[in-house]
Amino acid sequence: MKISDIIIDPATWLAEMWLTMVEVEYQYINNKKTDTILGHKYHCALPRKNFDKAIVSIPGKKQLDVDSDKGEVVSVKFSDLEMKCWIKQDKSRDGDNFLTPMLKGKATAITAVQSKPS
């Protein structure tokens, strides 16, 4: 089994998500970025999971935004959310390789639940 085969149940594991940043998602062909915009990636903190990070892709136009430069955070929920795990390979300052488990997903829509998380 690969870690990418694990499916996360959003109803239990991702009960609360705080939107912290939004970025454009570009199409890549042969590992090269193109000018084609596929949609947007919504970066969320998970306060019930030690503030781990999840990134959710939604195709099309930007549906919601936050001012990450001012530290704005919005509590959100996603429609038709599907989440999976993957492993990101990084290098430390000393040049050592290390692996970080990450959460990524896709959805059809995002909605603000309230203006500020409690």
Protein backbone atom coordinates (compact mmCIF):
# COMPACT_ATOMS: atom_id res chain seq x y z
CA MET A 1 0.00 0.00 0.00
CA LYS A 2 1.20 3.51 -0.81
CA ILE A 3 0.53 6.42 1.56
CA SER A 4 -1.23 8.20 -1.30
CA ASP A 5 -3.86 5.42 -1.25
CA ILE A 6 -5.00 6.46 2.24
CA ILE A 7 -8.20 8.51 2.13
CA ILE A 8 -8.91 10.92 5.00
CA ASP A 9 -12.51 11.16 6.27
CA PRO A 10 -13.20 14.93 6.26
CA ALA A 11 -16.27 14.59 8.50
CA THR A 12 -14.21 13.43 11.45
CA TRP A 13 -10.60 14.37 10.83
CA LEU A 14 -11.12 17.80 9.28
CA ALA A 15 -14.06 19.06 11.32
CA GLU A 16 -12.51 22.54 11.65
CA MET A 17 -10.35 24.26 9.02
CA TRP A 18 -8.95 27.80 9.00
CA LEU A 19 -8.12 29.34 5.63
CA THR A 20 -4.73 31.07 5.86
CA MET A 21 -3.67 31.60 2.24
CA VAL A 22 -4.88 31.26 -1.36
CA GLU A 23 -2.64 30.79 -4.40
CA VAL A 24 -3.15 30.26 -8.11
CA GLU A 25 -2.77 26.67 -9.32
CA TYR A 26 -1.04 26.40 -12.69
CA GLN A 27 -0.94 23.52 -15.14
CA TYR A 28 2.36 21.66 -15.47
CA ILE A 29 3.41 19.77 -18.59
CA ASN A 30 6.50 17.53 -18.39
CA ASN A 31 7.30 19.09 -14.98
CA LYS A 32 7.31 22.60 -16.48
CA LYS A 33 4.89 25.30 -15.36
CA THR A 34 2.65 26.75 -18.07
CA ASP A 35 0.62 29.97 -18.09
CA THR A 36 -2.63 27.97 -17.93
CA ILE A 37 -4.53 28.54 -14.67
CA LEU A 38 -6.38 25.43 -13.48
CA GLY A 39 -7.88 26.92 -10.33
CA HIS A 40 -6.75 27.88 -6.83
CA LYS A 41 -5.08 26.16 -3.88
CA TYR A 42 -6.56 26.96 -0.47
CA HIS A 43 -4.07 26.53 2.39
CA CYS A 44 -5.73 25.69 5.70
CA ALA A 45 -4.57 25.22 9.29
CA LEU A 46 -6.18 22.39 11.27
CA PRO A 47 -6.60 23.67 14.85
CA ARG A 48 -7.85 20.30 16.15
CA LYS A 49 -4.78 18.55 14.71
CA ASN A 50 -1.96 20.65 16.21
CA PHE A 51 -2.36 23.21 13.41
CA ASP A 52 -1.16 20.82 10.73
CA LYS A 53 -1.56 22.13 7.20
CA ALA A 54 -3.90 20.94 4.45
CA ILE A 55 -4.00 22.22 0.87
CA VAL A 56 -7.27 21.94 -1.06
CA SER A 57 -7.53 22.55 -4.83
CA ILE A 58 -10.68 23.93 -6.41
CA PRO A 59 -10.88 24.35 -10.19
CA GLY A 60 -11.96 27.65 -11.71
CA LYS A 61 -12.13 31.17 -10.35
CA LYS A 62 -11.09 32.18 -6.83
CA GLN A 63 -14.07 31.66 -4.52
CA LEU A 64 -12.73 33.11 -1.26
CA ASP A 65 -9.68 35.08 -0.16
CA VAL A 66 -7.82 36.11 2.98
CA ASP A 67 -5.18 38.77 3.59
CA SER A 68 -2.34 36.50 4.68
CA ASP A 69 0.03 39.49 4.92
CA LYS A 70 -2.12 40.81 7.79
CA GLY A 71 -2.50 37.38 9.38
CA GLU A 72 -6.19 37.13 8.51
CA VAL A 73 -7.75 33.71 9.08
CA VAL A 74 -11.24 32.57 8.08
CA SER A 75 -13.03 29.46 9.32
CA VAL A 76 -14.21 27.53 6.25
CA LYS A 77 -15.94 24.43 5.01
CA PHE A 78 -15.56 22.71 1.64
CA SER A 79 -18.14 21.03 -0.59
CA ASP A 80 -17.42 17.54 -1.91
CA LEU A 81 -14.06 17.47 -0.11
CA GLU A 82 -11.75 14.52 -0.78
CA MET A 83 -8.42 14.39 1.09
CA LYS A 84 -5.33 12.21 0.71
CA CYS A 85 -1.86 11.94 2.21
CA TRP A 86 1.40 12.36 0.36
CA ILE A 87 5.06 12.61 1.31
CA LYS A 88 7.07 15.76 0.60
CA GLN A 89 10.82 15.32 0.35
CA ASP A 90 12.84 18.26 1.69
CA LYS A 91 16.42 19.05 2.58
CA SER A 92 17.56 20.44 5.91
CA ARG A 93 19.95 23.39 6.15
CA ASP A 94 22.72 20.84 6.56
CA GLY A 95 21.73 19.16 3.29
CA ASP A 96 20.16 16.08 4.89
CA ASN A 97 17.05 14.65 3.24
CA PHE A 98 13.88 14.29 5.29
CA LEU A 99 10.29 13.35 4.55
CA THR A 100 7.22 15.28 5.69
CA PRO A 101 3.68 13.83 5.56
CA MET A 102 1.28 16.28 3.91
CA LEU A 103 -2.47 16.51 3.34
CA LYS A 104 -3.84 17.52 -0.04
CA GLY A 105 -7.31 17.42 -1.43
CA LYS A 106 -9.82 18.59 -3.93
CA ALA A 107 -13.26 20.13 -3.57
CA THR A 108 -15.92 21.81 -5.67
CA ALA A 109 -16.54 24.88 -3.47
CA ILE A 110 -15.42 26.72 -0.32
CA THR A 111 -17.62 28.70 2.07
CA ALA A 112 -16.75 30.96 5.01
CA VAL A 113 -18.32 29.65 8.20
CA GLN A 114 -17.65 32.75 10.27
CA SER A 115 -15.45 35.82 9.91
CA LYS A 116 -12.99 34.86 12.68
CA PRO A 117 -12.23 31.47 14.19
CA SER A 118 -13.05 31.13 17.88
